[in-house]
Amino acid sequence: MTHDRTPTARLDIADKAGPMPRTPTYLAVSEVSTPIRELYFCVQRIALEDDLRKYMATYFRLLETLLARSPRMRGGLVSASLHVLAGDYDAALIDIGSLVVADDEVPTTWSPSWQ
């Protein structure tokens, strides 16, 4: 993003900046404190970089962990995964975001891989 320094304060988004997620919630790496938040962060990175291959191993590891720890999330995780595989990262983030809000099973020993 650039600012052209004119009185109109117009902002331009560079073409090579990549897609901008349209979800209202941006999760910073410092906020990754649970497996579901780490999955959200992973999909956020996939969306920002538009590179599923780069994060595929991490994504599926997190998905496996979440399915084993929280079977009640299965429906939301399956829905989010279908969106990820279809390239609809915004819809996936919305699905995962609803799971983040509903998550009440916060493990006490979670060490995010993004640190």
N, C-alpha and C. Protein backbone atom coordinates (compact mmCIF):
# COMPACT_ATOMS: atom_id res chain seq x y z
N MET A 1 0.85 -1.15 0.00
CA MET A 1 0.00 0.00 0.00
C MET A 1 0.91 1.23 0.00
N THR A 2 0.56 2.19 -0.81
CA THR A 2 1.36 3.42 -0.87
C THR A 2 0.46 4.62 -0.67
N HIS A 3 1.04 5.69 -0.16
CA HIS A 3 0.33 6.94 0.04
C HIS A 3 0.98 7.94 -0.90
N ASP A 4 0.18 8.62 -1.72
CA ASP A 4 0.77 9.49 -2.74
C ASP A 4 1.09 10.90 -2.24
N ARG A 5 0.89 11.18 -0.95
CA ARG A 5 1.27 12.44 -0.31
C ARG A 5 0.58 13.67 -0.89
N THR A 6 -0.59 13.51 -1.40
CA THR A 6 -1.36 14.66 -1.89
C THR A 6 -2.44 15.00 -0.88
N PRO A 7 -3.04 16.18 -0.98
CA PRO A 7 -4.08 16.56 -0.03
C PRO A 7 -5.28 15.60 -0.03
N THR A 8 -5.48 14.86 -1.11
CA THR A 8 -6.61 13.93 -1.15
C THR A 8 -6.30 12.64 -0.39
N ALA A 9 -5.03 12.44 -0.04
CA ALA A 9 -4.60 11.27 0.72
C ALA A 9 -5.10 9.96 0.11
N ARG A 10 -4.87 9.81 -1.18
CA ARG A 10 -5.28 8.60 -1.89
C ARG A 10 -4.30 7.47 -1.59
N LEU A 11 -4.83 6.29 -1.32
CA LEU A 11 -4.00 5.12 -1.08
C LEU A 11 -4.12 4.18 -2.27
N ASP A 12 -3.00 3.68 -2.72
CA ASP A 12 -2.99 2.71 -3.80
C ASP A 12 -2.48 1.38 -3.26
N ILE A 13 -3.08 0.31 -3.71
CA ILE A 13 -2.61 -1.02 -3.34
C ILE A 13 -1.83 -1.56 -4.52
N ALA A 14 -0.58 -1.92 -4.26
CA ALA A 14 0.28 -2.43 -5.32
C ALA A 14 -0.28 -3.74 -5.86
N ASP A 15 -0.12 -3.95 -7.16
CA ASP A 15 -0.64 -5.16 -7.80
C ASP A 15 -0.01 -6.43 -7.24
N LYS A 16 1.24 -6.37 -6.85
CA LYS A 16 1.94 -7.56 -6.40
C LYS A 16 1.80 -7.81 -4.90
N ALA A 17 0.94 -7.07 -4.24
CA ALA A 17 0.77 -7.22 -2.80
C ALA A 17 0.02 -8.49 -2.44
N GLY A 18 -0.64 -9.11 -3.38
CA GLY A 18 -1.40 -10.32 -3.10
C GLY A 18 -2.82 -9.99 -2.73
N PRO A 19 -3.64 -11.01 -2.61
CA PRO A 19 -5.04 -10.77 -2.29
C PRO A 19 -5.21 -10.28 -0.85
N MET A 20 -6.18 -9.45 -0.63
CA MET A 20 -6.46 -8.93 0.70
C MET A 20 -7.68 -9.67 1.24
N PRO A 21 -7.52 -10.43 2.33
CA PRO A 21 -8.69 -11.13 2.89
C PRO A 21 -9.78 -10.14 3.27
N ARG A 22 -11.03 -10.53 3.05
CA ARG A 22 -12.15 -9.64 3.35
C ARG A 22 -12.78 -9.93 4.70
N THR A 23 -12.19 -10.83 5.47
CA THR A 23 -12.74 -11.13 6.78
C THR A 23 -12.41 -9.99 7.74
N PRO A 24 -13.29 -9.70 8.68
CA PRO A 24 -13.08 -8.55 9.56
C PRO A 24 -12.01 -8.76 10.61
N THR A 25 -11.61 -9.98 10.88
CA THR A 25 -10.68 -10.25 11.97
C THR A 25 -9.33 -10.67 11.44
N TYR A 26 -8.31 -9.88 11.81
CA TYR A 26 -6.93 -10.25 11.51
C TYR A 26 -6.33 -10.79 12.79
N LEU A 27 -5.72 -11.96 12.73
CA LEU A 27 -5.13 -12.58 13.90
C LEU A 27 -3.61 -12.41 13.81
N ALA A 28 -3.04 -11.75 14.80
CA ALA A 28 -1.59 -11.57 14.85
C ALA A 28 -0.94 -12.82 15.43
N VAL A 29 0.31 -13.03 15.12
CA VAL A 29 1.02 -14.23 15.58
C VAL A 29 1.02 -14.28 17.11
N SER A 30 1.04 -13.14 17.78
CA SER A 30 1.04 -13.11 19.25
C SER A 30 -0.29 -13.60 19.84
N GLU A 31 -1.34 -13.65 19.03
CA GLU A 31 -2.65 -14.09 19.49
C GLU A 31 -2.90 -15.58 19.26
N VAL A 32 -1.93 -16.27 18.69
CA VAL A 32 -2.07 -17.70 18.41
C VAL A 32 -1.80 -18.46 19.69
N SER A 33 -2.88 -18.82 20.40
CA SER A 33 -2.73 -19.45 21.71
C SER A 33 -3.43 -20.80 21.82
N THR A 34 -4.18 -21.20 20.80
CA THR A 34 -4.88 -22.48 20.82
C THR A 34 -4.76 -23.10 19.42
N PRO A 35 -5.02 -24.40 19.32
CA PRO A 35 -4.93 -25.05 18.01
C PRO A 35 -5.87 -24.42 16.96
N ILE A 36 -7.08 -24.05 17.36
CA ILE A 36 -8.01 -23.48 16.39
C ILE A 36 -7.55 -22.10 15.93
N ARG A 37 -6.96 -21.34 16.84
CA ARG A 37 -6.40 -20.03 16.45
C ARG A 37 -5.21 -20.21 15.52
N GLU A 38 -4.42 -21.26 15.76
CA GLU A 38 -3.29 -21.52 14.87
C GLU A 38 -3.78 -21.92 13.47
N LEU A 39 -4.86 -22.69 13.42
CA LEU A 39 -5.43 -23.04 12.12
C LEU A 39 -5.93 -21.78 11.41
N TYR A 40 -6.59 -20.89 12.13
CA TYR A 40 -7.05 -19.63 11.56
C TYR A 40 -5.87 -18.84 11.00
N PHE A 41 -4.80 -18.75 11.80
CA PHE A 41 -3.61 -18.03 11.38
C PHE A 41 -2.99 -18.66 10.13
N CYS A 42 -2.98 -19.98 10.08
CA CYS A 42 -2.44 -20.70 8.93
C CYS A 42 -3.24 -20.37 7.66
N VAL A 43 -4.56 -20.42 7.75
CA VAL A 43 -5.39 -20.11 6.58
C VAL A 43 -5.24 -18.63 6.21
N GLN A 44 -5.08 -17.79 7.20
CA GLN A 44 -4.84 -16.37 6.94
C GLN A 44 -3.56 -16.19 6.13
N ARG A 45 -2.49 -16.93 6.49
CA ARG A 45 -1.23 -16.86 5.76
C ARG A 45 -1.42 -17.40 4.33
N ILE A 46 -2.16 -18.49 4.19
CA ILE A 46 -2.43 -19.04 2.87
C ILE A 46 -3.13 -18.00 2.01
N ALA A 47 -4.12 -17.31 2.59
CA ALA A 47 -4.87 -16.30 1.85
C ALA A 47 -3.99 -15.10 1.48
N LEU A 48 -3.19 -14.63 2.41
CA LEU A 48 -2.36 -13.46 2.15
C LEU A 48 -1.29 -13.73 1.10
N GLU A 49 -0.73 -14.93 1.13
CA GLU A 49 0.33 -15.27 0.19
C GLU A 49 -0.20 -16.02 -1.03
N ASP A 50 -1.46 -16.41 -0.99
CA ASP A 50 -2.09 -17.19 -2.05
C ASP A 50 -1.20 -18.38 -2.43
N ASP A 51 -0.80 -19.12 -1.39
CA ASP A 51 0.12 -20.24 -1.59
C ASP A 51 -0.25 -21.41 -0.67
N LEU A 52 -1.21 -22.20 -1.09
CA LEU A 52 -1.66 -23.34 -0.29
C LEU A 52 -0.54 -24.36 -0.12
N ARG A 53 0.24 -24.59 -1.16
CA ARG A 53 1.29 -25.61 -1.09
C ARG A 53 2.29 -25.33 0.02
N LYS A 54 2.63 -24.07 0.21
CA LYS A 54 3.62 -23.69 1.22
C LYS A 54 3.18 -24.08 2.62
N TYR A 55 1.89 -24.00 2.89
CA TYR A 55 1.37 -24.24 4.24
C TYR A 55 0.55 -25.53 4.36
N MET A 56 0.53 -26.33 3.31
CA MET A 56 -0.33 -27.52 3.29
C MET A 56 0.00 -28.50 4.42
N ALA A 57 1.26 -28.78 4.66
CA ALA A 57 1.64 -29.73 5.71
C ALA A 57 1.20 -29.21 7.08
N THR A 58 1.43 -27.93 7.34
CA THR A 58 1.02 -27.33 8.61
C THR A 58 -0.49 -27.37 8.75
N TYR A 59 -1.20 -27.04 7.67
CA TYR A 59 -2.65 -27.01 7.70
C TYR A 59 -3.22 -28.38 8.06
N PHE A 60 -2.75 -29.42 7.38
CA PHE A 60 -3.28 -30.76 7.63
C PHE A 60 -2.86 -31.31 8.99
N ARG A 61 -1.69 -30.93 9.49
CA ARG A 61 -1.28 -31.33 10.84
C ARG A 61 -2.21 -30.72 11.87
N LEU A 62 -2.52 -29.43 11.71
CA LEU A 62 -3.43 -28.75 12.63
C LEU A 62 -4.84 -29.34 12.54
N LEU A 63 -5.27 -29.62 11.33
CA LEU A 63 -6.60 -30.21 11.13
C LEU A 63 -6.70 -31.56 11.84
N GLU A 64 -5.69 -32.38 11.70
CA GLU A 64 -5.66 -33.68 12.35
C GLU A 64 -5.69 -33.52 13.88
N THR A 65 -4.90 -32.60 14.40
CA THR A 65 -4.87 -32.33 15.83
C THR A 65 -6.24 -31.91 16.35
N LEU A 66 -6.87 -31.00 15.64
CA LEU A 66 -8.18 -30.51 16.06
C LEU A 66 -9.26 -31.58 15.99
N LEU A 67 -9.24 -32.39 14.96
CA LEU A 67 -10.24 -33.46 14.85
C LEU A 67 -10.07 -34.48 15.98
N ALA A 68 -8.83 -34.73 16.39
CA ALA A 68 -8.58 -35.67 17.48
C ALA A 68 -8.97 -35.09 18.83
N ARG A 69 -8.70 -33.80 19.03
CA ARG A 69 -8.96 -33.16 20.33
C ARG A 69 -10.40 -32.68 20.50
N SER A 70 -11.01 -32.26 19.42
CA SER A 70 -12.35 -31.66 19.51
C SER A 70 -13.25 -32.18 18.41
N PRO A 71 -13.76 -33.39 18.54
CA PRO A 71 -14.62 -33.96 17.50
C PRO A 71 -15.87 -33.11 17.24
N ARG A 72 -16.30 -32.31 18.22
CA ARG A 72 -17.49 -31.48 18.03
C ARG A 72 -17.27 -30.40 16.97
N MET A 73 -16.03 -30.13 16.62
CA MET A 73 -15.72 -29.13 15.60
C MET A 73 -15.74 -29.71 14.19
N ARG A 74 -15.95 -30.99 14.07
CA ARG A 74 -15.82 -31.68 12.78
C ARG A 74 -16.59 -31.00 11.65
N GLY A 75 -17.85 -30.67 11.87
CA GLY A 75 -18.65 -30.06 10.81
C GLY A 75 -18.06 -28.75 10.31
N GLY A 76 -17.65 -27.89 11.23
CA GLY A 76 -17.05 -26.62 10.85
C GLY A 76 -15.71 -26.78 10.17
N LEU A 77 -14.92 -27.76 10.64
CA LEU A 77 -13.61 -28.01 10.05
C LEU A 77 -13.73 -28.58 8.64
N VAL A 78 -14.69 -29.47 8.44
CA VAL A 78 -14.92 -30.03 7.11
C VAL A 78 -15.35 -28.92 6.15
N SER A 79 -16.27 -28.09 6.60
CA SER A 79 -16.73 -26.98 5.77
C SER A 79 -15.58 -26.04 5.41
N ALA A 80 -14.77 -25.70 6.41
CA ALA A 80 -13.62 -24.81 6.17
C ALA A 80 -12.63 -25.46 5.20
N SER A 81 -12.40 -26.76 5.36
CA SER A 81 -11.46 -27.47 4.48
C SER A 81 -11.94 -27.48 3.03
N LEU A 82 -13.23 -27.67 2.83
CA LEU A 82 -13.77 -27.63 1.47
C LEU A 82 -13.55 -26.25 0.86
N HIS A 83 -13.72 -25.21 1.65
CA HIS A 83 -13.48 -23.85 1.15
C HIS A 83 -12.00 -23.63 0.84
N VAL A 84 -11.12 -24.12 1.71
CA VAL A 84 -9.67 -23.98 1.47
C VAL A 84 -9.29 -24.67 0.18
N LEU A 85 -9.74 -25.90 0.01
CA LEU A 85 -9.38 -26.67 -1.19
C LEU A 85 -9.96 -26.05 -2.47
N ALA A 86 -11.07 -25.32 -2.32
CA ALA A 86 -11.67 -24.64 -3.47
C ALA A 86 -11.04 -23.26 -3.70
N GLY A 87 -10.16 -22.84 -2.79
CA GLY A 87 -9.52 -21.53 -2.94
C GLY A 87 -10.34 -20.38 -2.40
N ASP A 88 -11.41 -20.67 -1.69
CA ASP A 88 -12.26 -19.63 -1.10
C ASP A 88 -11.82 -19.42 0.35
N TYR A 89 -10.70 -18.73 0.52
CA TYR A 89 -10.09 -18.57 1.83
C TYR A 89 -10.91 -17.68 2.75
N ASP A 90 -11.60 -16.71 2.20
CA ASP A 90 -12.45 -15.84 3.04
C ASP A 90 -13.55 -16.66 3.72
N ALA A 91 -14.21 -17.53 2.97
CA ALA A 91 -15.26 -18.38 3.54
C ALA A 91 -14.67 -19.33 4.59
N ALA A 92 -13.47 -19.85 4.32
CA ALA A 92 -12.81 -20.73 5.29
C ALA A 92 -12.51 -19.98 6.58
N LEU A 93 -12.03 -18.74 6.46
CA LEU A 93 -11.74 -17.94 7.65
C LEU A 93 -13.00 -17.64 8.45
N ILE A 94 -14.10 -17.43 7.76
CA ILE A 94 -15.36 -17.20 8.46
C ILE A 94 -15.78 -18.45 9.23
N ASP A 95 -15.67 -19.62 8.58
CA ASP A 95 -16.01 -20.89 9.26
C ASP A 95 -15.11 -21.11 10.47
N ILE A 96 -13.82 -20.94 10.29
CA ILE A 96 -12.88 -21.17 11.39
C ILE A 96 -13.06 -20.11 12.47
N GLY A 97 -13.36 -18.88 12.06
CA GLY A 97 -13.59 -17.81 13.03
C GLY A 97 -14.74 -18.12 13.97
N SER A 98 -15.79 -18.75 13.45
CA SER A 98 -16.91 -19.11 14.31
C SER A 98 -16.50 -20.21 15.30
N LEU A 99 -15.56 -21.06 14.90
CA LEU A 99 -15.06 -22.09 15.81
C LEU A 99 -14.15 -21.48 16.87
N VAL A 100 -13.40 -20.46 16.51
CA VAL A 100 -12.54 -19.77 17.47
C VAL A 100 -13.40 -19.17 18.57
N VAL A 101 -14.49 -18.51 18.18
CA VAL A 101 -15.39 -17.89 19.14
C VAL A 101 -16.02 -18.94 20.04
N ALA A 102 -16.39 -20.07 19.48
CA ALA A 102 -17.08 -21.12 20.25
C ALA A 102 -16.13 -22.01 21.04
N ASP A 103 -14.84 -21.88 20.81
CA ASP A 103 -13.88 -22.79 21.43
C ASP A 103 -13.76 -22.56 22.93
N ASP A 104 -14.14 -23.55 23.69
CA ASP A 104 -14.00 -23.45 25.14
C ASP A 104 -13.07 -24.53 25.69
N GLU A 105 -12.47 -25.30 24.79
CA GLU A 105 -11.53 -26.35 25.20
C GLU A 105 -10.10 -25.89 24.94
N VAL A 106 -9.65 -24.94 25.71
CA VAL A 106 -8.32 -24.40 25.50
C VAL A 106 -7.31 -25.31 26.20
N PRO A 107 -6.45 -25.99 25.44
CA PRO A 107 -5.44 -26.84 26.06
C PRO A 107 -4.46 -26.00 26.87
N THR A 108 -4.01 -26.52 27.97
CA THR A 108 -3.08 -25.77 28.80
C THR A 108 -1.65 -25.88 28.31
N THR A 109 -1.36 -26.86 27.49
CA THR A 109 0.00 -27.03 26.99
C THR A 109 0.00 -26.99 25.47
N TRP A 110 -0.20 -25.84 24.91
CA TRP A 110 -0.18 -25.69 23.46
C TRP A 110 0.98 -24.81 23.09
N SER A 111 1.82 -25.30 22.22
CA SER A 111 2.97 -24.53 21.76
C SER A 111 2.84 -24.32 20.26
N PRO A 112 2.39 -23.13 19.84
CA PRO A 112 2.19 -22.86 18.42
C PRO A 112 3.50 -22.99 17.63
N SER A 113 3.39 -23.48 16.42
CA SER A 113 4.57 -23.66 15.59
C SER A 113 5.00 -22.36 14.90
N TRP A 114 4.24 -21.28 15.08
CA TRP A 114 4.53 -20.00 14.40
C TRP A 114 5.47 -19.11 15.17
N GLN A 115 5.92 -19.54 16.32
CA GLN A 115 6.80 -18.67 17.13
C GLN A 115 8.22 -18.77 16.70
